[in-house]
N, C-alpha and C. Protein backbone atom coordinates (compact mmCIF):
# COMPACT_ATOMS: atom_id res chain seq x y z
N MET A 1 0.82 -1.19 0.00
CA MET A 1 0.00 0.00 0.00
C MET A 1 0.87 1.26 0.00
N VAL A 2 2.00 1.21 0.70
CA VAL A 2 2.89 2.37 0.76
C VAL A 2 3.42 2.70 -0.62
N ARG A 3 3.80 1.66 -1.37
CA ARG A 3 4.32 1.89 -2.73
C ARG A 3 3.27 2.56 -3.60
N LYS A 4 2.04 2.08 -3.50
CA LYS A 4 0.96 2.66 -4.30
C LYS A 4 0.77 4.15 -3.97
N HIS A 5 0.79 4.47 -2.69
CA HIS A 5 0.63 5.87 -2.28
C HIS A 5 1.84 6.71 -2.68
N THR A 6 3.02 6.11 -2.70
CA THR A 6 4.21 6.83 -3.15
C THR A 6 4.06 7.23 -4.60
N ILE A 7 3.62 6.30 -5.43
CA ILE A 7 3.44 6.57 -6.86
C ILE A 7 2.34 7.61 -7.06
N GLU A 8 1.25 7.47 -6.34
CA GLU A 8 0.18 8.46 -6.44
C GLU A 8 0.68 9.83 -6.01
N GLY A 9 1.55 9.86 -4.99
CA GLY A 9 2.13 11.12 -4.54
C GLY A 9 2.99 11.77 -5.61
N ILE A 10 3.75 10.97 -6.33
CA ILE A 10 4.56 11.50 -7.44
C ILE A 10 3.64 12.15 -8.46
N ASN A 11 2.55 11.48 -8.80
CA ASN A 11 1.61 12.04 -9.78
C ASN A 11 1.01 13.36 -9.30
N LEU A 12 0.59 13.40 -8.04
CA LEU A 12 0.00 14.63 -7.50
C LEU A 12 1.01 15.76 -7.45
N LEU A 13 2.21 15.46 -6.97
CA LEU A 13 3.23 16.49 -6.89
C LEU A 13 3.66 16.99 -8.27
N SER A 14 3.70 16.09 -9.23
CA SER A 14 4.09 16.52 -10.58
C SER A 14 3.04 17.43 -11.21
N GLN A 15 1.77 17.22 -10.85
CA GLN A 15 0.74 18.12 -11.33
C GLN A 15 0.96 19.53 -10.78
N HIS A 16 1.43 19.60 -9.56
CA HIS A 16 1.65 20.89 -8.92
C HIS A 16 2.96 21.54 -9.37
N PHE A 17 4.05 20.75 -9.39
CA PHE A 17 5.37 21.31 -9.68
C PHE A 17 5.78 21.22 -11.14
N GLY A 18 5.13 20.37 -11.93
CA GLY A 18 5.41 20.28 -13.36
C GLY A 18 6.52 19.33 -13.75
N HIS A 19 6.72 19.25 -15.07
CA HIS A 19 7.67 18.27 -15.61
C HIS A 19 9.12 18.59 -15.28
N LYS A 20 9.44 19.87 -15.11
CA LYS A 20 10.81 20.24 -14.75
C LYS A 20 11.19 19.63 -13.40
N TRP A 21 10.26 19.64 -12.47
CA TRP A 21 10.49 19.05 -11.15
C TRP A 21 10.73 17.55 -11.28
N ILE A 22 9.93 16.89 -12.13
CA ILE A 22 10.11 15.45 -12.38
C ILE A 22 11.53 15.19 -12.88
N LEU A 23 11.97 16.01 -13.84
CA LEU A 23 13.30 15.82 -14.43
C LEU A 23 14.43 16.09 -13.45
N GLU A 24 14.27 17.11 -12.65
CA GLU A 24 15.37 17.53 -11.77
C GLU A 24 15.40 16.82 -10.42
N LYS A 25 14.24 16.45 -9.91
CA LYS A 25 14.19 15.92 -8.55
C LYS A 25 13.81 14.44 -8.47
N VAL A 26 12.80 14.05 -9.22
CA VAL A 26 12.25 12.71 -9.03
C VAL A 26 13.05 11.64 -9.77
N ILE A 27 13.23 11.79 -11.05
CA ILE A 27 13.91 10.75 -11.83
C ILE A 27 15.34 10.51 -11.34
N PRO A 28 16.13 11.56 -11.10
CA PRO A 28 17.48 11.28 -10.59
C PRO A 28 17.46 10.54 -9.24
N ARG A 29 16.53 10.89 -8.38
CA ARG A 29 16.45 10.22 -7.08
C ARG A 29 16.02 8.77 -7.22
N LEU A 30 15.06 8.51 -8.09
CA LEU A 30 14.64 7.13 -8.32
C LEU A 30 15.80 6.30 -8.86
N ASN A 31 16.52 6.85 -9.82
CA ASN A 31 17.67 6.12 -10.38
C ASN A 31 18.76 5.91 -9.33
N GLN A 32 18.94 6.88 -8.42
CA GLN A 32 19.90 6.70 -7.32
C GLN A 32 19.48 5.57 -6.40
N LEU A 33 18.18 5.49 -6.12
CA LEU A 33 17.69 4.42 -5.25
C LEU A 33 17.98 3.05 -5.83
N TRP A 34 17.89 2.93 -7.15
CA TRP A 34 18.19 1.65 -7.78
C TRP A 34 19.65 1.28 -7.53
N GLU A 35 20.53 2.24 -7.61
CA GLU A 35 21.97 1.99 -7.50
C GLU A 35 22.44 1.85 -6.06
N PHE A 36 21.60 2.21 -5.11
CA PHE A 36 21.97 2.11 -3.70
C PHE A 36 22.36 0.67 -3.39
N GLU A 37 23.50 0.49 -2.78
CA GLU A 37 24.08 -0.83 -2.57
C GLU A 37 23.18 -1.79 -1.81
N GLU A 38 22.46 -1.31 -0.85
CA GLU A 38 21.67 -2.19 -0.01
C GLU A 38 20.17 -2.09 -0.30
N ASN A 39 19.83 -1.85 -1.55
CA ASN A 39 18.40 -1.77 -1.87
C ASN A 39 17.78 -3.17 -1.89
N SER A 40 16.49 -3.22 -1.67
CA SER A 40 15.78 -4.49 -1.70
C SER A 40 14.98 -4.58 -2.99
N TYR A 41 14.47 -5.76 -3.27
CA TYR A 41 13.66 -5.91 -4.47
C TYR A 41 12.41 -5.04 -4.38
N ILE A 42 11.90 -4.79 -3.18
CA ILE A 42 10.73 -3.93 -3.03
C ILE A 42 11.07 -2.50 -3.42
N GLN A 43 12.25 -2.04 -3.06
CA GLN A 43 12.68 -0.71 -3.47
C GLN A 43 12.85 -0.64 -4.98
N ARG A 44 13.41 -1.68 -5.56
CA ARG A 44 13.60 -1.68 -7.02
C ARG A 44 12.24 -1.69 -7.73
N ASN A 45 11.28 -2.43 -7.17
CA ASN A 45 9.93 -2.41 -7.75
C ASN A 45 9.32 -1.01 -7.68
N THR A 46 9.52 -0.34 -6.56
CA THR A 46 9.00 1.01 -6.40
C THR A 46 9.65 1.97 -7.40
N VAL A 47 10.94 1.79 -7.63
CA VAL A 47 11.65 2.61 -8.62
C VAL A 47 11.02 2.40 -10.00
N VAL A 48 10.81 1.16 -10.39
CA VAL A 48 10.22 0.87 -11.70
C VAL A 48 8.84 1.51 -11.82
N LEU A 49 8.02 1.34 -10.82
CA LEU A 49 6.67 1.91 -10.86
C LEU A 49 6.70 3.44 -10.86
N GLY A 50 7.63 4.00 -10.11
CA GLY A 50 7.78 5.46 -10.11
C GLY A 50 8.22 5.98 -11.46
N LEU A 51 9.17 5.31 -12.08
CA LEU A 51 9.64 5.73 -13.40
C LEU A 51 8.53 5.59 -14.44
N GLU A 52 7.76 4.51 -14.35
CA GLU A 52 6.62 4.34 -15.27
C GLU A 52 5.67 5.53 -15.13
N SER A 53 5.39 5.93 -13.92
CA SER A 53 4.48 7.04 -13.69
C SER A 53 5.05 8.36 -14.23
N CYS A 54 6.36 8.53 -14.18
CA CYS A 54 6.99 9.75 -14.70
C CYS A 54 6.89 9.87 -16.22
N CYS A 55 6.74 8.76 -16.90
CA CYS A 55 6.71 8.76 -18.37
C CYS A 55 5.56 9.60 -18.93
N GLU A 56 4.53 9.76 -18.17
CA GLU A 56 3.39 10.53 -18.65
C GLU A 56 3.68 12.03 -18.69
N LYS A 57 4.73 12.46 -18.03
CA LYS A 57 4.98 13.88 -17.86
C LYS A 57 6.15 14.42 -18.66
N ILE A 58 6.90 13.56 -19.34
CA ILE A 58 8.12 14.01 -20.00
C ILE A 58 8.18 13.52 -21.44
N ASP A 59 9.12 14.05 -22.19
CA ASP A 59 9.22 13.74 -23.62
C ASP A 59 9.96 12.41 -23.85
N ILE A 60 9.80 11.91 -25.06
CA ILE A 60 10.31 10.59 -25.43
C ILE A 60 11.83 10.48 -25.33
N GLU A 61 12.55 11.52 -25.72
CA GLU A 61 14.02 11.47 -25.66
C GLU A 61 14.51 11.38 -24.22
N THR A 62 13.86 12.08 -23.33
CA THR A 62 14.22 12.02 -21.91
C THR A 62 13.92 10.64 -21.35
N ILE A 63 12.79 10.10 -21.73
CA ILE A 63 12.43 8.74 -21.30
C ILE A 63 13.50 7.75 -21.75
N LYS A 64 13.87 7.88 -23.00
CA LYS A 64 14.87 6.98 -23.58
C LYS A 64 16.20 7.08 -22.83
N THR A 65 16.59 8.29 -22.47
CA THR A 65 17.88 8.52 -21.82
C THR A 65 17.88 8.21 -20.33
N LEU A 66 16.82 8.62 -19.64
CA LEU A 66 16.83 8.55 -18.17
C LEU A 66 16.05 7.38 -17.57
N ILE A 67 15.13 6.81 -18.33
CA ILE A 67 14.27 5.77 -17.76
C ILE A 67 14.55 4.39 -18.35
N PHE A 68 14.74 4.31 -19.66
CA PHE A 68 14.97 3.00 -20.28
C PHE A 68 16.14 2.23 -19.67
N PRO A 69 17.28 2.86 -19.35
CA PRO A 69 18.39 2.08 -18.78
C PRO A 69 18.01 1.36 -17.48
N THR A 70 17.22 2.00 -16.64
CA THR A 70 16.80 1.36 -15.40
C THR A 70 15.80 0.24 -15.66
N LEU A 71 14.91 0.45 -16.63
CA LEU A 71 13.96 -0.63 -16.97
C LEU A 71 14.70 -1.84 -17.53
N LEU A 72 15.76 -1.61 -18.28
CA LEU A 72 16.57 -2.74 -18.77
C LEU A 72 17.22 -3.49 -17.60
N LYS A 73 17.64 -2.75 -16.59
CA LYS A 73 18.19 -3.41 -15.40
C LYS A 73 17.11 -4.25 -14.72
N GLY A 74 15.88 -3.74 -14.71
CA GLY A 74 14.77 -4.48 -14.13
C GLY A 74 14.50 -5.79 -14.84
N LEU A 75 14.62 -5.77 -16.17
CA LEU A 75 14.41 -7.00 -16.94
C LEU A 75 15.48 -8.04 -16.65
N ASN A 76 16.63 -7.59 -16.23
CA ASN A 76 17.75 -8.50 -15.97
C ASN A 76 18.02 -8.71 -14.47
N ASP A 77 17.10 -8.27 -13.65
CA ASP A 77 17.26 -8.42 -12.20
C ASP A 77 17.19 -9.91 -11.83
N PRO A 78 17.94 -10.32 -10.82
CA PRO A 78 17.90 -11.73 -10.42
C PRO A 78 16.60 -12.13 -9.71
N ILE A 79 15.83 -11.16 -9.26
CA ILE A 79 14.58 -11.44 -8.54
C ILE A 79 13.41 -11.44 -9.51
N SER A 80 12.68 -12.54 -9.55
CA SER A 80 11.55 -12.69 -10.48
C SER A 80 10.51 -11.59 -10.32
N ASN A 81 10.24 -11.18 -9.10
CA ASN A 81 9.22 -10.17 -8.87
C ASN A 81 9.60 -8.84 -9.51
N VAL A 82 10.88 -8.50 -9.53
CA VAL A 82 11.32 -7.26 -10.17
C VAL A 82 11.13 -7.38 -11.69
N LYS A 83 11.47 -8.53 -12.24
CA LYS A 83 11.23 -8.75 -13.67
C LYS A 83 9.75 -8.61 -13.99
N PHE A 84 8.91 -9.22 -13.17
CA PHE A 84 7.46 -9.16 -13.36
C PHE A 84 6.96 -7.72 -13.37
N VAL A 85 7.35 -6.94 -12.37
CA VAL A 85 6.90 -5.54 -12.28
C VAL A 85 7.42 -4.74 -13.48
N THR A 86 8.65 -5.00 -13.90
CA THR A 86 9.22 -4.29 -15.04
C THR A 86 8.49 -4.66 -16.33
N LEU A 87 8.22 -5.94 -16.52
CA LEU A 87 7.48 -6.37 -17.72
C LEU A 87 6.08 -5.75 -17.75
N ARG A 88 5.43 -5.73 -16.61
CA ARG A 88 4.10 -5.13 -16.53
C ARG A 88 4.17 -3.63 -16.84
N SER A 89 5.22 -2.97 -16.39
CA SER A 89 5.40 -1.55 -16.68
C SER A 89 5.63 -1.31 -18.17
N ILE A 90 6.43 -2.15 -18.80
CA ILE A 90 6.66 -2.02 -20.25
C ILE A 90 5.35 -2.24 -20.99
N TYR A 91 4.60 -3.23 -20.58
CA TYR A 91 3.27 -3.47 -21.16
C TYR A 91 2.40 -2.23 -21.02
N ASN A 92 2.39 -1.62 -19.83
CA ASN A 92 1.60 -0.42 -19.60
C ASN A 92 2.08 0.77 -20.43
N LEU A 93 3.38 0.88 -20.61
CA LEU A 93 3.92 1.99 -21.40
C LEU A 93 3.41 1.98 -22.84
N CYS A 94 3.16 0.79 -23.35
CA CYS A 94 2.69 0.67 -24.74
C CYS A 94 1.38 1.42 -24.98
N SER A 95 0.60 1.61 -23.94
CA SER A 95 -0.69 2.28 -24.12
C SER A 95 -0.64 3.76 -23.73
N LYS A 96 0.50 4.25 -23.30
CA LYS A 96 0.61 5.65 -22.89
C LYS A 96 0.68 6.55 -24.12
N GLN A 97 0.11 7.72 -23.99
CA GLN A 97 0.03 8.67 -25.10
C GLN A 97 1.40 9.00 -25.69
N VAL A 98 2.41 9.14 -24.85
CA VAL A 98 3.74 9.52 -25.31
C VAL A 98 4.32 8.49 -26.29
N PHE A 99 3.86 7.24 -26.22
CA PHE A 99 4.37 6.20 -27.10
C PHE A 99 3.47 5.90 -28.29
N LYS A 100 2.38 6.63 -28.45
CA LYS A 100 1.51 6.42 -29.61
C LYS A 100 2.33 6.62 -30.89
N GLY A 101 2.34 5.60 -31.72
CA GLY A 101 3.10 5.67 -32.97
C GLY A 101 4.60 5.48 -32.79
N LYS A 102 5.05 5.16 -31.60
CA LYS A 102 6.48 5.01 -31.34
C LYS A 102 6.82 3.67 -30.70
N LEU A 103 6.01 2.67 -30.95
CA LEU A 103 6.25 1.36 -30.34
C LEU A 103 7.57 0.75 -30.83
N ASP A 104 8.02 1.15 -32.01
CA ASP A 104 9.30 0.63 -32.51
C ASP A 104 10.45 0.98 -31.57
N LEU A 105 10.37 2.15 -30.95
CA LEU A 105 11.40 2.53 -29.99
C LEU A 105 11.39 1.60 -28.78
N LEU A 106 10.21 1.33 -28.26
CA LEU A 106 10.10 0.38 -27.15
C LEU A 106 10.58 -1.01 -27.57
N LYS A 107 10.14 -1.42 -28.74
CA LYS A 107 10.50 -2.76 -29.23
C LYS A 107 12.02 -2.89 -29.39
N SER A 108 12.63 -1.91 -30.04
CA SER A 108 14.08 -2.01 -30.28
C SER A 108 14.87 -1.97 -28.97
N THR A 109 14.32 -1.34 -27.96
CA THR A 109 15.02 -1.24 -26.68
C THR A 109 14.87 -2.51 -25.84
N PHE A 110 13.67 -3.10 -25.85
CA PHE A 110 13.38 -4.15 -24.86
C PHE A 110 13.19 -5.56 -25.42
N ILE A 111 12.97 -5.72 -26.70
CA ILE A 111 12.55 -7.03 -27.23
C ILE A 111 13.58 -8.14 -26.98
N ASN A 112 14.86 -7.84 -27.11
CA ASN A 112 15.87 -8.88 -26.91
C ASN A 112 15.86 -9.41 -25.47
N ASP A 113 15.73 -8.49 -24.52
CA ASP A 113 15.70 -8.92 -23.11
C ASP A 113 14.40 -9.65 -22.78
N ILE A 114 13.31 -9.22 -23.38
CA ILE A 114 12.03 -9.93 -23.18
C ILE A 114 12.12 -11.33 -23.75
N ASP A 115 12.69 -11.46 -24.94
CA ASP A 115 12.86 -12.79 -25.55
C ASP A 115 13.74 -13.70 -24.68
N LYS A 116 14.79 -13.14 -24.09
CA LYS A 116 15.64 -13.94 -23.20
C LYS A 116 14.83 -14.50 -22.03
N ILE A 117 13.95 -13.67 -21.49
CA ILE A 117 13.11 -14.12 -20.37
C ILE A 117 12.17 -15.23 -20.84
N ILE A 118 11.54 -15.03 -21.98
CA ILE A 118 10.59 -16.02 -22.51
C ILE A 118 11.27 -17.36 -22.73
N HIS A 119 12.49 -17.34 -23.20
CA HIS A 119 13.17 -18.58 -23.56
C HIS A 119 14.07 -19.14 -22.47
N SER A 120 14.09 -18.52 -21.30
CA SER A 120 14.95 -19.05 -20.24
C SER A 120 14.23 -20.15 -19.46
N ASN A 121 15.01 -21.08 -18.98
CA ASN A 121 14.47 -22.21 -18.22
C ASN A 121 14.12 -21.78 -16.80
N GLY A 122 13.08 -22.36 -16.26
CA GLY A 122 12.72 -22.13 -14.88
C GLY A 122 12.14 -20.77 -14.57
N VAL A 123 11.61 -20.12 -15.58
CA VAL A 123 11.03 -18.79 -15.36
C VAL A 123 9.70 -18.92 -14.63
N ASP A 124 9.47 -18.05 -13.69
CA ASP A 124 8.22 -17.99 -12.93
C ASP A 124 7.03 -17.83 -13.89
N ALA A 125 5.90 -18.46 -13.58
CA ALA A 125 4.73 -18.44 -14.48
C ALA A 125 4.22 -17.01 -14.71
N GLU A 126 4.17 -16.18 -13.68
CA GLU A 126 3.71 -14.80 -13.85
C GLU A 126 4.67 -13.99 -14.71
N VAL A 127 5.96 -14.22 -14.53
CA VAL A 127 6.97 -13.53 -15.32
C VAL A 127 6.82 -13.92 -16.79
N SER A 128 6.68 -15.21 -17.03
CA SER A 128 6.51 -15.71 -18.40
C SER A 128 5.25 -15.12 -19.04
N TYR A 129 4.17 -15.09 -18.29
CA TYR A 129 2.90 -14.54 -18.79
C TYR A 129 3.08 -13.08 -19.20
N PHE A 130 3.67 -12.27 -18.34
CA PHE A 130 3.81 -10.85 -18.68
C PHE A 130 4.90 -10.60 -19.70
N ALA A 131 5.88 -11.48 -19.79
CA ALA A 131 6.87 -11.35 -20.86
C ALA A 131 6.17 -11.53 -22.21
N ASN A 132 5.30 -12.51 -22.29
CA ASN A 132 4.55 -12.72 -23.54
C ASN A 132 3.57 -11.58 -23.81
N LYS A 133 2.92 -11.07 -22.78
CA LYS A 133 2.01 -9.93 -22.96
C LYS A 133 2.77 -8.70 -23.40
N ALA A 134 3.92 -8.45 -22.80
CA ALA A 134 4.74 -7.29 -23.18
C ALA A 134 5.19 -7.43 -24.64
N LYS A 135 5.62 -8.63 -25.00
CA LYS A 135 6.06 -8.85 -26.38
C LYS A 135 4.92 -8.62 -27.36
N GLU A 136 3.74 -9.14 -27.04
CA GLU A 136 2.57 -8.93 -27.90
C GLU A 136 2.22 -7.45 -28.03
N SER A 137 2.32 -6.71 -26.95
CA SER A 137 1.97 -5.29 -26.98
C SER A 137 2.94 -4.48 -27.81
N LEU A 138 4.13 -5.01 -28.06
CA LEU A 138 5.13 -4.30 -28.84
C LEU A 138 4.96 -4.50 -30.35
N LYS A 139 3.98 -5.31 -30.74
CA LYS A 139 3.78 -5.57 -32.18
C LYS A 139 2.96 -4.50 -32.83
């Protein structure tokens, strides 16, 4: 519940402070949290969800530069739950206005890592399901 309220808080604050605040304060802090040495999978999930929420407020080039690298890390995380949350976020991004007509950018960035997940042995059922959903949404 705390994570959900954190993400909702980012959305509310961004409405008040605008996209510049997202770029200068939120995204750098979220990316720092990912790199923090002692972060947990729950923190990494929160980072992914926070970055997904930021995508609605900024331009495609900024997303590509500041958000995609962390989402790629999420796809390659050793914890299945982080992969699941990241795949679900990529699936959700496909329907966001900023990506209308630009699915090729998402596809070229993420498809290889999604395919690796789909074809890896011992993948969690939920991860496999959302990997296939994410791949389908990129078509």
